[in-house]
PDB file of N, CA and C in Angstrom:
ATOM      1  N   MET A   1      -9.755   5.235  -3.370  1.00  0.00           N
ATOM      2  CA  MET A   1      -9.250   6.492  -2.865  1.00  0.00           C
ATOM      3  C   MET A   1     -10.402   7.485  -2.780  1.00  0.00           C
ATOM      4  N   ALA A   2     -10.427   8.232  -1.710  1.00  0.00           N
ATOM      5  CA  ALA A   2     -11.441   9.271  -1.515  1.00  0.00           C
ATOM      6  C   ALA A   2     -10.833  10.623  -1.833  1.00  0.00           C
ATOM      7  N   THR A   3     -11.632  11.484  -2.426  1.00  0.00           N
ATOM      8  CA  THR A   3     -11.191  12.847  -2.688  1.00  0.00           C
ATOM      9  C   THR A   3     -11.980  13.768  -1.781  1.00  0.00           C
ATOM     10  N   LEU A   4     -11.272  14.576  -1.061  1.00  0.00           N
ATOM     11  CA  LEU A   4     -11.897  15.516  -0.149  1.00  0.00           C
ATOM     12  C   LEU A   4     -12.057  16.843  -0.873  1.00  0.00           C
ATOM     13  N   HIS A   5     -13.306  17.252  -1.033  1.00  0.00           N
ATOM     14  CA  HIS A   5     -13.630  18.489  -1.739  1.00  0.00           C
ATOM     15  C   HIS A   5     -14.383  19.378  -0.764  1.00  0.00           C
ATOM     16  N   ILE A   6     -13.801  20.521  -0.436  1.00  0.00           N
ATOM     17  CA  ILE A   6     -14.412  21.432   0.522  1.00  0.00           C
ATOM     18  C   ILE A   6     -14.693  22.754  -0.178  1.00  0.00           C
ATOM     19  N   GLU A   7     -15.925  23.175  -0.058  1.00  0.00           N
ATOM     20  CA  GLU A   7     -16.303  24.475  -0.605  1.00  0.00           C
ATOM     21  C   GLU A   7     -16.722  25.369   0.556  1.00  0.00           C
ATOM     22  N   PRO A   8     -15.835  26.234   0.998  1.00  0.00           N
ATOM     23  CA  PRO A   8     -16.189  27.104   2.119  1.00  0.00           C
ATOM     24  C   PRO A   8     -17.266  28.110   1.713  1.00  0.00           C
ATOM     25  N   VAL A   9     -18.103  28.441   2.684  1.00  0.00           N
ATOM     26  CA  VAL A   9     -19.152  29.431   2.429  1.00  0.00           C
ATOM     27  C   VAL A   9     -18.508  30.771   2.079  1.00  0.00           C
ATOM     28  N   GLN A  10     -17.480  31.117   2.800  1.00  0.00           N
ATOM     29  CA  GLN A  10     -16.757  32.353   2.510  1.00  0.00           C
ATOM     30  C   GLN A  10     -15.506  32.003   1.738  1.00  0.00           C
ATOM     31  N   GLU A  11     -15.107  32.882   0.856  1.00  0.00           N
ATOM     32  CA  GLU A  11     -13.880  32.643   0.098  1.00  0.00           C
ATOM     33  C   GLU A  11     -12.690  32.790   1.038  1.00  0.00           C
ATOM     34  N   SER A  12     -12.304  31.702   1.624  1.00  0.00           N
ATOM     35  CA  SER A  12     -11.184  31.699   2.551  1.00  0.00           C
ATOM     36  C   SER A  12     -10.290  30.525   2.204  1.00  0.00           C
ATOM     37  N   GLY A  13      -9.045  30.801   1.974  1.00  0.00           N
ATOM     38  CA  GLY A  13      -8.101  29.741   1.645  1.00  0.00           C
ATOM     39  C   GLY A  13      -7.630  28.997   2.878  1.00  0.00           C
ATOM     40  N   ASP A  14      -8.215  29.296   4.028  1.00  0.00           N
ATOM     41  CA  ASP A  14      -7.767  28.692   5.285  1.00  0.00           C
ATOM     42  C   ASP A  14      -8.376  27.328   5.552  1.00  0.00           C
ATOM     43  N   ILE A  15      -9.505  27.013   4.942  1.00  0.00           N
ATOM     44  CA  ILE A  15     -10.244  25.805   5.301  1.00  0.00           C
ATOM     45  C   ILE A  15      -9.504  24.533   4.907  1.00  0.00           C
ATOM     46  N   LEU A  16      -9.103  24.419   3.644  1.00  0.00           N
ATOM     47  CA  LEU A  16      -8.456  23.186   3.192  1.00  0.00           C
ATOM     48  C   LEU A  16      -7.164  22.903   3.962  1.00  0.00           C
ATOM     49  N   PRO A  17      -6.284  23.884   4.144  1.00  0.00           N
ATOM     50  CA  PRO A  17      -5.077  23.599   4.941  1.00  0.00           C
ATOM     51  C   PRO A  17      -5.396  23.197   6.376  1.00  0.00           C
ATOM     52  N   LEU A  18      -6.436  23.774   6.942  1.00  0.00           N
ATOM     53  CA  LEU A  18      -6.832  23.432   8.305  1.00  0.00           C
ATOM     54  C   LEU A  18      -7.311  21.980   8.384  1.00  0.00           C
ATOM     55  N   VAL A  19      -8.145  21.585   7.452  1.00  0.00           N
ATOM     56  CA  VAL A  19      -8.645  20.205   7.415  1.00  0.00           C
ATOM     57  C   VAL A  19      -7.499  19.242   7.144  1.00  0.00           C
ATOM     58  N   ARG A  20      -6.653  19.602   6.203  1.00  0.00           N
ATOM     59  CA  ARG A  20      -5.508  18.747   5.867  1.00  0.00           C
ATOM     60  C   ARG A  20      -4.590  18.566   7.084  1.00  0.00           C
ATOM     61  N   SER A  21      -4.357  19.648   7.814  1.00  0.00           N
ATOM     62  CA  SER A  21      -3.525  19.589   9.011  1.00  0.00           C
ATOM     63  C   SER A  21      -4.158  18.693  10.076  1.00  0.00           C
ATOM     64  N   ALA A  22      -5.469  18.798  10.246  1.00  0.00           N
ATOM     65  CA  ALA A  22      -6.163  17.958  11.227  1.00  0.00           C
ATOM     66  C   ALA A  22      -6.060  16.481  10.852  1.00  0.00           C
ATOM     67  N   ILE A  23      -6.197  16.186   9.571  1.00  0.00           N
ATOM     68  CA  ILE A  23      -6.088  14.792   9.119  1.00  0.00           C
ATOM     69  C   ILE A  23      -4.659  14.296   9.293  1.00  0.00           C
ATOM     70  N   GLU A  24      -3.679  15.128   8.964  1.00  0.00           N
ATOM     71  CA  GLU A  24      -2.276  14.730   9.138  1.00  0.00           C
ATOM     72  C   GLU A  24      -1.955  14.488  10.617  1.00  0.00           C
ATOM     73  N   SER A  25      -2.548  15.283  11.483  1.00  0.00           N
ATOM     74  CA  SER A  25      -2.362  15.093  12.928  1.00  0.00           C
ATOM     75  C   SER A  25      -2.959  13.755  13.365  1.00  0.00           C
ATOM     76  N   GLU A  26      -4.136  13.442  12.857  1.00  0.00           N
ATOM     77  CA  GLU A  26      -4.781  12.164  13.186  1.00  0.00           C
ATOM     78  C   GLU A  26      -3.957  10.992  12.646  1.00  0.00           C
ATOM     79  N   VAL A  27      -3.397  11.146  11.464  1.00  0.00           N
ATOM     80  CA  VAL A  27      -2.532  10.107  10.895  1.00  0.00           C
ATOM     81  C   VAL A  27      -1.342   9.866  11.815  1.00  0.00           C
ATOM     82  N   ALA A  28      -0.726  10.941  12.288  1.00  0.00           N
ATOM     83  CA  ALA A  28       0.424  10.809  13.195  1.00  0.00           C
ATOM     84  C   ALA A  28       0.027  10.070  14.475  1.00  0.00           C
ATOM     85  N   LYS A  29      -1.141  10.391  15.027  1.00  0.00           N
ATOM     86  CA  LYS A  29      -1.621   9.708  16.235  1.00  0.00           C
ATOM     87  C   LYS A  29      -1.869   8.232  15.970  1.00  0.00           C
ATOM     88  N   LEU A  30      -2.483   7.936  14.822  1.00  0.00           N
ATOM     89  CA  LEU A  30      -2.753   6.534  14.474  1.00  0.00           C
ATOM     90  C   LEU A  30      -1.460   5.761  14.253  1.00  0.00           C
ATOM     91  N   GLU A  31      -0.475   6.395  13.628  1.00  0.00           N
ATOM     92  CA  GLU A  31       0.815   5.729  13.420  1.00  0.00           C
ATOM     93  C   GLU A  31       1.478   5.393  14.750  1.00  0.00           C
ATOM     94  N   LEU A  32       1.407   6.313  15.695  1.00  0.00           N
ATOM     95  CA  LEU A  32       1.969   6.060  17.021  1.00  0.00           C
ATOM     96  C   LEU A  32       1.211   4.936  17.724  1.00  0.00           C
ATOM     97  N   ALA A  33      -0.118   4.978  17.674  1.00  0.00           N
ATOM     98  CA  ALA A  33      -0.932   3.932  18.296  1.00  0.00           C
ATOM     99  C   ALA A  33      -0.652   2.580  17.660  1.00  0.00           C
ATOM    100  N   LEU A  34      -0.443   2.561  16.349  1.00  0.00           N
ATOM    101  CA  LEU A  34      -0.137   1.315  15.644  1.00  0.00           C
ATOM    102  C   LEU A  34       1.216   0.761  16.077  1.00  0.00           C
ATOM    103  N   LYS A  35       2.213   1.630  16.204  1.00  0.00           N
ATOM    104  CA  LYS A  35       3.528   1.187  16.689  1.00  0.00           C
ATOM    105  C   LYS A  35       3.419   0.570  18.079  1.00  0.00           C
ATOM    106  N   MET A  36       2.616   1.198  18.923  1.00  0.00           N
ATOM    107  CA  MET A  36       2.439   0.689  20.289  1.00  0.00           C
ATOM    108  C   MET A  36       1.725  -0.664  20.279  1.00  0.00           C
ATOM    109  N   ALA A  37       0.739  -0.812  19.414  1.00  0.00           N
ATOM    110  CA  ALA A  37       0.018  -2.086  19.316  1.00  0.00           C
ATOM    111  C   ALA A  37       0.955  -3.185  18.840  1.00  0.00           C
ATOM    112  N   VAL A  38       1.764  -2.896  17.842  1.00  0.00           N
ATOM    113  CA  VAL A  38       2.725  -3.877  17.327  1.00  0.00           C
ATOM    114  C   VAL A  38       3.716  -4.262  18.422  1.00  0.00           C
ATOM    115  N   LYS A  39       4.129  -3.280  19.207  1.00  0.00           N
ATOM    116  CA  LYS A  39       5.049  -3.529  20.316  1.00  0.00           C
ATOM    117  C   LYS A  39       4.416  -4.463  21.360  1.00  0.00           C
ATOM    118  N   ARG A  40       3.114  -4.279  21.600  1.00  0.00           N
ATOM    119  CA  ARG A  40       2.421  -5.131  22.578  1.00  0.00           C
ATOM    120  C   ARG A  40       2.180  -6.537  22.025  1.00  0.00           C
ATOM    121  N   LEU A  41       2.159  -6.683  20.706  1.00  0.00           N
ATOM    122  CA  LEU A  41       1.994  -8.009  20.099  1.00  0.00           C
ATOM    123  C   LEU A  41       3.300  -8.812  20.130  1.00  0.00           C
ATOM    124  N   ALA A  42       4.416  -8.125  20.082  1.00  0.00           N
ATOM    125  CA  ALA A  42       5.723  -8.782  19.979  1.00  0.00           C
ATOM    126  C   ALA A  42       5.986  -9.828  21.063  1.00  0.00           C
ATOM    127  N   PRO A  43       5.699  -9.564  22.337  1.00  0.00           N
ATOM    128  CA  PRO A  43       5.967 -10.597  23.348  1.00  0.00           C
ATOM    129  C   PRO A  43       5.183 -11.892  23.110  1.00  0.00           C
ATOM    130  N   PHE A  44       3.951 -11.780  22.646  1.00  0.00           N
ATOM    131  CA  PHE A  44       3.168 -12.982  22.335  1.00  0.00           C
ATOM    132  C   PHE A  44       3.810 -13.752  21.178  1.00  0.00           C
ATOM    133  N   GLU A  45       4.191 -13.027  20.131  1.00  0.00           N
ATOM    134  CA  GLU A  45       4.792 -13.666  18.957  1.00  0.00           C
ATOM    135  C   GLU A  45       6.122 -14.329  19.320  1.00  0.00           C
ATOM    136  N   GLU A  46       6.910 -13.656  20.143  1.00  0.00           N
ATOM    137  CA  GLU A  46       8.199 -14.220  20.555  1.00  0.00           C
ATOM    138  C   GLU A  46       7.996 -15.451  21.443  1.00  0.00           C
ATOM    139  N   LYS A  47       7.068 -15.366  22.367  1.00  0.00           N
ATOM    140  CA  LYS A  47       6.813 -16.467  23.300  1.00  0.00           C
ATOM    141  C   LYS A  47       6.399 -17.745  22.567  1.00  0.00           C
ATOM    142  N   TYR A  48       5.541 -17.588  21.547  1.00  0.00           N
ATOM    143  CA  TYR A  48       5.006 -18.771  20.857  1.00  0.00           C
ATOM    144  C   TYR A  48       5.651 -19.030  19.488  1.00  0.00           C
ATOM    145  N   GLY A  49       6.520 -18.133  19.052  1.00  0.00           N
ATOM    146  CA  GLY A  49       7.241 -18.342  17.802  1.00  0.00           C
ATOM    147  C   GLY A  49       6.358 -18.325  16.558  1.00  0.00           C
ATOM    148  N   VAL A  50       5.262 -17.577  16.615  1.00  0.00           N
ATOM    149  CA  VAL A  50       4.377 -17.459  15.455  1.00  0.00           C
ATOM    150  C   VAL A  50       3.990 -15.993  15.275  1.00  0.00           C
ATOM    151  N   THR A  51       3.560 -15.669  14.073  1.00  0.00           N
ATOM    152  CA  THR A  51       3.066 -14.320  13.830  1.00  0.00           C
ATOM    153  C   THR A  51       1.656 -14.189  14.390  1.00  0.00           C
ATOM    154  N   SER A  52       1.240 -12.969  14.589  1.00  0.00           N
ATOM    155  CA  SER A  52      -0.123 -12.735  15.059  1.00  0.00           C
ATOM    156  C   SER A  52      -1.148 -13.162  14.011  1.00  0.00           C
ATOM    157  N   ASP A  53      -0.798 -13.034  12.738  1.00  0.00           N
ATOM    158  CA  ASP A  53      -1.694 -13.507  11.672  1.00  0.00           C
ATOM    159  C   ASP A  53      -1.917 -15.015  11.792  1.00  0.00           C
ATOM    160  N   TYR A  54      -0.837 -15.737  12.030  1.00  0.00           N
ATOM    161  CA  TYR A  54      -0.964 -17.190  12.201  1.00  0.00           C
ATOM    162  C   TYR A  54      -1.797 -17.495  13.443  1.00  0.00           C
ATOM    163  N   PHE A  55      -1.487 -16.811  14.526  1.00  0.00           N
ATOM    164  CA  PHE A  55      -2.216 -17.015  15.779  1.00  0.00           C
ATOM    165  C   PHE A  55      -3.723 -16.867  15.582  1.00  0.00           C
ATOM    166  N   ILE A  56      -4.132 -15.778  14.953  1.00  0.00           N
ATOM    167  CA  ILE A  56      -5.558 -15.467  14.864  1.00  0.00           C
ATOM    168  C   ILE A  56      -6.300 -16.465  13.976  1.00  0.00           C
ATOM    169  N   THR A  57      -5.618 -17.058  13.010  1.00  0.00           N
ATOM    170  CA  THR A  57      -6.298 -17.993  12.105  1.00  0.00           C
ATOM    171  C   THR A  57      -6.150 -19.454  12.507  1.00  0.00           C
ATOM    172  N   GLU A  58      -5.091 -19.782  13.239  1.00  0.00           N
ATOM    173  CA  GLU A  58      -4.790 -21.196  13.466  1.00  0.00           C
ATOM    174  C   GLU A  58      -4.823 -21.657  14.922  1.00  0.00           C
ATOM    175  N   MET A  59      -4.779 -20.734  15.862  1.00  0.00           N
ATOM    176  CA  MET A  59      -4.627 -21.149  17.252  1.00  0.00           C
ATOM    177  C   MET A  59      -5.906 -20.918  18.063  1.00  0.00           C
ATOM    178  N   THR A  60      -6.010 -21.641  19.153  1.00  0.00           N
ATOM    179  CA  THR A  60      -7.132 -21.485  20.081  1.00  0.00           C
ATOM    180  C   THR A  60      -6.565 -21.202  21.471  1.00  0.00           C
ATOM    181  N   ALA A  61      -7.441 -20.891  22.397  1.00  0.00           N
ATOM    182  CA  ALA A  61      -7.010 -20.610  23.774  1.00  0.00           C
ATOM    183  C   ALA A  61      -6.275 -21.802  24.372  1.00  0.00           C
ATOM    184  N   GLU A  62      -6.658 -23.003  23.994  1.00  0.00           N
ATOM    185  CA  GLU A  62      -6.024 -24.206  24.533  1.00  0.00           C
ATOM    186  C   GLU A  62      -4.574 -24.347  24.088  1.00  0.00           C
ATOM    187  N   ASP A  63      -4.195 -23.641  23.004  1.00  0.00           N
ATOM    188  CA  ASP A  63      -2.816 -23.688  22.515  1.00  0.00           C
ATOM    189  C   ASP A  63      -1.883 -22.785  23.319  1.00  0.00           C
ATOM    190  N   LEU A  64      -2.435 -21.960  24.176  1.00  0.00           N
ATOM    191  CA  LEU A  64      -1.644 -20.979  24.907  1.00  0.00           C
ATOM    192  C   LEU A  64      -1.507 -21.364  26.374  1.00  0.00           C
ATOM    193  N   ALA A  65      -0.364 -21.032  26.957  1.00  0.00           N
ATOM    194  CA  ALA A  65      -0.120 -21.343  28.369  1.00  0.00           C
ATOM    195  C   ALA A  65      -1.111 -20.608  29.269  1.00  0.00           C
ATOM    196  N   GLY A  66      -1.460 -19.376  28.896  1.00  0.00           N
ATOM    197  CA  GLY A  66      -2.384 -18.579  29.697  1.00  0.00           C
ATOM    198  C   GLY A  66      -3.838 -18.782  29.322  1.00  0.00           C
ATOM    199  N   HIS A  67      -4.089 -19.700  28.426  1.00  0.00           N
ATOM    200  CA  HIS A  67      -5.434 -20.064  27.961  1.00  0.00           C
ATOM    201  C   HIS A  67      -6.294 -18.849  27.620  1.00  0.00           C
ATOM    202  N   ASP A  68      -7.519 -18.795  28.155  1.00  0.00           N
ATOM    203  CA  ASP A  68      -8.486 -17.765  27.758  1.00  0.00           C
ATOM    204  C   ASP A  68      -7.969 -16.344  27.963  1.00  0.00           C
ATOM    205  N   GLU A  69      -7.376 -16.087  29.107  1.00  0.00           N
ATOM    206  CA  GLU A  69      -6.914 -14.729  29.411  1.00  0.00           C
ATOM    207  C   GLU A  69      -5.875 -14.267  28.390  1.00  0.00           C
ATOM    208  N   GLU A  70      -4.920 -15.113  28.115  1.00  0.00           N
ATOM    209  CA  GLU A  70      -3.867 -14.757  27.161  1.00  0.00           C
ATOM    210  C   GLU A  70      -4.427 -14.655  25.744  1.00  0.00           C
ATOM    211  N   TYR A  71      -5.336 -15.546  25.417  1.00  0.00           N
ATOM    212  CA  TYR A  71      -5.950 -15.525  24.085  1.00  0.00           C
ATOM    213  C   TYR A  71      -6.704 -14.213  23.875  1.00  0.00           C
ATOM    214  N   VAL A  72      -7.484 -13.811  24.868  1.00  0.00           N
ATOM    215  CA  VAL A  72      -8.266 -12.582  24.758  1.00  0.00           C
ATOM    216  C   VAL A  72      -7.355 -11.361  24.628  1.00  0.00           C
ATOM    217  N   GLN A  73      -6.268 -11.346  25.393  1.00  0.00           N
ATOM    218  CA  GLN A  73      -5.322 -10.227  25.304  1.00  0.00           C
ATOM    219  C   GLN A  73      -4.699 -10.150  23.911  1.00  0.00           C
ATOM    220  N   TRP A  74      -4.212 -11.282  23.417  1.00  0.00           N
ATOM    221  CA  TRP A  74      -3.537 -11.308  22.121  1.00  0.00           C
ATOM    222  C   TRP A  74      -4.524 -10.991  21.004  1.00  0.00           C
ATOM    223  N   ALA A  75      -5.665 -11.634  21.022  1.00  0.00           N
ATOM    224  CA  ALA A  75      -6.670 -11.410  19.980  1.00  0.00           C
ATOM    225  C   ALA A  75      -7.176  -9.965  20.016  1.00  0.00           C
ATOM    226  N   GLY A  76      -7.379  -9.430  21.195  1.00  0.00           N
ATOM    227  CA  GLY A  76      -7.842  -8.055  21.321  1.00  0.00           C
ATOM    228  C   GLY A  76      -6.839  -7.065  20.767  1.00  0.00           C
ATOM    229  N   GLU A  77      -5.596  -7.284  21.084  1.00  0.00           N
ATOM    230  CA  GLU A  77      -4.539  -6.400  20.579  1.00  0.00           C
ATOM    231  C   GLU A  77      -4.419  -6.522  19.060  1.00  0.00           C
ATOM    232  N   TYR A  78      -4.574  -7.730  18.559  1.00  0.00           N
ATOM    233  CA  TYR A  78      -4.511  -7.955  17.114  1.00  0.00           C
ATOM    234  C   TYR A  78      -5.658  -7.243  16.405  1.00  0.00           C
ATOM    235  N   LYS A  79      -6.864  -7.347  16.952  1.00  0.00           N
ATOM    236  CA  LYS A  79      -8.034  -6.687  16.354  1.00  0.00           C
ATOM    237  C   LYS A  79      -7.873  -5.165  16.408  1.00  0.00           C
ATOM    238  N   LEU A  80      -7.329  -4.649  17.509  1.00  0.00           N
ATOM    239  CA  LEU A  80      -7.058  -3.224  17.621  1.00  0.00           C
ATOM    240  C   LEU A  80      -6.080  -2.792  16.524  1.00  0.00           C
ATOM    241  N   MET A  81      -5.022  -3.572  16.331  1.00  0.00           N
ATOM    242  CA  MET A  81      -4.041  -3.259  15.302  1.00  0.00           C
ATOM    243  C   MET A  81      -4.703  -3.211  13.925  1.00  0.00           C
ATOM    244  N   GLN A  82      -5.582  -4.160  13.646  1.00  0.00           N
ATOM    245  CA  GLN A  82      -6.277  -4.179  12.358  1.00  0.00           C
ATOM    246  C   GLN A  82      -7.147  -2.930  12.176  1.00  0.00           C
ATOM    247  N   ARG A  83      -7.865  -2.542  13.221  1.00  0.00           N
ATOM    248  CA  ARG A  83      -8.713  -1.336  13.126  1.00  0.00           C
ATOM    249  C   ARG A  83      -7.861  -0.091  12.904  1.00  0.00           C
ATOM    250  N   LEU A  84      -6.748  -0.004  13.596  1.00  0.00           N
ATOM    251  CA  LEU A  84      -5.851   1.133  13.421  1.00  0.00           C
ATOM    252  C   LEU A  84      -5.298   1.175  11.999  1.00  0.00           C
ATOM    253  N   GLN A  85      -4.897   0.018  11.479  1.00  0.00           N
ATOM    254  CA  GLN A  85      -4.381  -0.048  10.119  1.00  0.00           C
ATOM    255  C   GLN A  85      -5.431   0.399   9.104  1.00  0.00           C
ATOM    256  N   GLU A  86      -6.663  -0.012   9.307  1.00  0.00           N
ATOM    257  CA  GLU A  86      -7.740   0.344   8.391  1.00  0.00           C
ATOM    258  C   GLU A  86      -8.028   1.847   8.437  1.00  0.00           C
ATOM    259  N   LYS A  87      -8.111   2.412   9.620  1.00  0.00           N
ATOM    260  CA  LYS A  87      -8.332   3.856   9.741  1.00  0.00           C
ATOM    261  C   LYS A  87      -7.178   4.624   9.099  1.00  0.00           C
ATOM    262  N   LEU A  88      -5.969   4.175   9.369  1.00  0.00           N
ATOM    263  CA  LEU A  88      -4.789   4.826   8.817  1.00  0.00           C
ATOM    264  C   LEU A  88      -4.794   4.763   7.296  1.00  0.00           C
ATOM    265  N   ARG A  89      -5.121   3.613   6.754  1.00  0.00           N
ATOM    266  CA  ARG A  89      -5.165   3.447   5.294  1.00  0.00           C
ATOM    267  C   ARG A  89      -6.188   4.404   4.687  1.00  0.00           C
ATOM    268  N   LYS A  90      -7.360   4.485   5.292  1.00  0.00           N
ATOM    269  CA  LYS A  90      -8.405   5.365   4.757  1.00  0.00           C
ATOM    270  C   LYS A  90      -7.966   6.827   4.780  1.00  0.00           C
ATOM    271  N   LEU A  91      -7.346   7.252   5.868  1.00  0.00           N
ATOM    272  CA  LEU A  91      -6.907   8.644   5.944  1.00  0.00           C
ATOM    273  C   LEU A  91      -5.751   8.922   4.986  1.00  0.00           C
ATOM    274  N   GLN A  92      -4.841   7.973   4.845  1.00  0.00           N
ATOM    275  CA  GLN A  92      -3.705   8.168   3.946  1.00  0.00           C
ATOM    276  C   GLN A  92      -4.124   8.137   2.476  1.00  0.00           C
ATOM    277  N   ASP A  93      -5.255   7.534   2.178  1.00  0.00           N
ATOM    278  CA  ASP A  93      -5.745   7.463   0.798  1.00  0.00           C
ATOM    279  C   ASP A  93      -6.503   8.713   0.363  1.00  0.00           C
ATOM    280  N   ILE A  94      -6.744   9.630   1.278  1.00  0.00           N
ATOM    281  CA  ILE A  94      -7.492  10.836   0.922  1.00  0.00           C
ATOM    282  C   ILE A  94      -6.646  11.710   0.011  1.00  0.00           C
ATOM    283  N   SER A  95      -7.263  12.165  -1.061  1.00  0.00           N
ATOM    284  CA  SER A  95      -6.625  13.177  -1.896  1.00  0.00           C
ATOM    285  C   SER A  95      -7.404  14.480  -1.697  1.00  0.00           C
ATOM    286  N   TYR A  96      -6.770  15.563  -1.970  1.00  0.00           N
ATOM    287  CA  TYR A  96      -7.360  16.863  -1.698  1.00  0.00           C
ATOM    288  C   TYR A  96      -7.590  17.611  -3.004  1.00  0.00           C
ATOM    289  N   TYR A  97      -8.779  18.118  -3.160  1.00  0.00           N
ATOM    290  CA  TYR A  97      -9.148  18.881  -4.344  1.00  0.00           C
ATOM    291  C   TYR A  97      -9.179  20.349  -3.948  1.00  0.00           C
ATOM    292  N   ASP A  98      -8.375  21.141  -4.613  1.00  0.00           N
ATOM    293  CA  ASP A  98      -8.338  22.572  -4.332  1.00  0.00           C
ATOM    294  C   ASP A  98      -8.679  23.314  -5.614  1.00  0.00           C
ATOM    295  N   PRO A  99      -9.905  23.819  -5.727  1.00  0.00           N
ATOM    296  CA  PRO A  99     -10.302  24.520  -6.950  1.00  0.00           C
ATOM    297  C   PRO A  99      -9.460  25.764  -7.203  1.00  0.00           C
ATOM    298  N   ASN A 100      -8.888  26.350  -6.162  1.00  0.00           N
ATOM    299  CA  ASN A 100      -8.037  27.531  -6.346  1.00  0.00           C
ATOM    300  C   ASN A 100      -6.788  27.193  -7.146  1.00  0.00           C
ATOM    301  N   LEU A 101      -6.259  25.996  -6.938  1.00  0.00           N
ATOM    302  CA  LEU A 101      -5.089  25.587  -7.715  1.00  0.00           C
ATOM    303  C   LEU A 101      -5.456  25.409  -9.175  1.00  0.00           C
ATOM    304  N   LEU A 102      -6.647  24.877  -9.430  1.00  0.00           N
ATOM    305  CA  LEU A 102      -7.100  24.710 -10.810  1.00  0.00           C
ATOM    306  C   LEU A 102      -7.264  26.066 -11.476  1.00  0.00           C
ATOM    307  N   ARG A 103      -7.842  27.014 -10.756  1.00  0.00           N
ATOM    308  CA  ARG A 103      -8.011  28.358 -11.325  1.00  0.00           C
ATOM    309  C   ARG A 103      -6.659  28.986 -11.645  1.00  0.00           C
ATOM    310  N   ALA A 104      -5.694  28.786 -10.782  1.00  0.00           N
ATOM    311  CA  ALA A 104      -4.359  29.325 -11.031  1.00  0.00           C
ATOM    312  C   ALA A 104      -3.739  28.675 -12.260  1.00  0.00           C
ATOM    313  N   ASP A 105      -3.926  27.342 -12.401  1.00  0.00           N
ATOM    314  CA  ASP A 105      -3.407  26.629 -13.564  1.00  0.00           C
ATOM    315  C   ASP A 105      -4.066  27.120 -14.848  1.00  0.00           C
ATOM    316  N   GLN A 106      -5.367  27.392 -14.771  1.00  0.00           N
ATOM    317  CA  GLN A 106      -6.093  27.843 -15.953  1.00  0.00           C
ATOM    318  C   GLN A 106      -5.630  29.226 -16.388  1.00  0.00           C
ATOM    319  N   LYS A 107      -5.244  30.070 -15.431  1.00  0.00           N
ATOM    320  CA  LYS A 107      -4.758  31.409 -15.769  1.00  0.00           C
ATOM    321  C   LYS A 107      -3.438  31.328 -16.522  1.00  0.00           C
ATOM    322  N   ASP A 108      -2.625  30.317 -16.184  1.00  0.00           N
ATOM    323  CA  ASP A 108      -1.329  30.161 -16.835  1.00  0.00           C
ATOM    324  C   ASP A 108      -1.466  29.747 -18.299  1.00  0.00           C
ATOM    325  N   ASN A 109      -2.563  29.123 -18.652  1.00  0.00           N
ATOM    326  CA  ASN A 109      -2.756  28.601 -20.020  1.00  0.00           C
ATOM    327  C   ASN A 109      -3.250  29.643 -20.961  1.00  0.00           C
TER     328      ASN A 109
END
């Protein structure tokens, strides 16, 4: 897990919420792109009755009716899905450090 620590040059409480909002927006875009990628994988999986994970590890172009063209399409979409999942995981794992919250907690003690 990564912790995002931002120290603005000026004392402005606007920076962390702005960055957090931008990351949340990117997460939403990645989630939509991932749904679309999964949707594009479904016809291949239905046609051949296997998961994309099985396809990528066990099958070759010769196993497919469309041979190279179909293999490249399916494999490309699968690799795209993996990249999207990885980016999404990294962004969702970010935690946010807000020193202002710590200062407020310390005042309460």
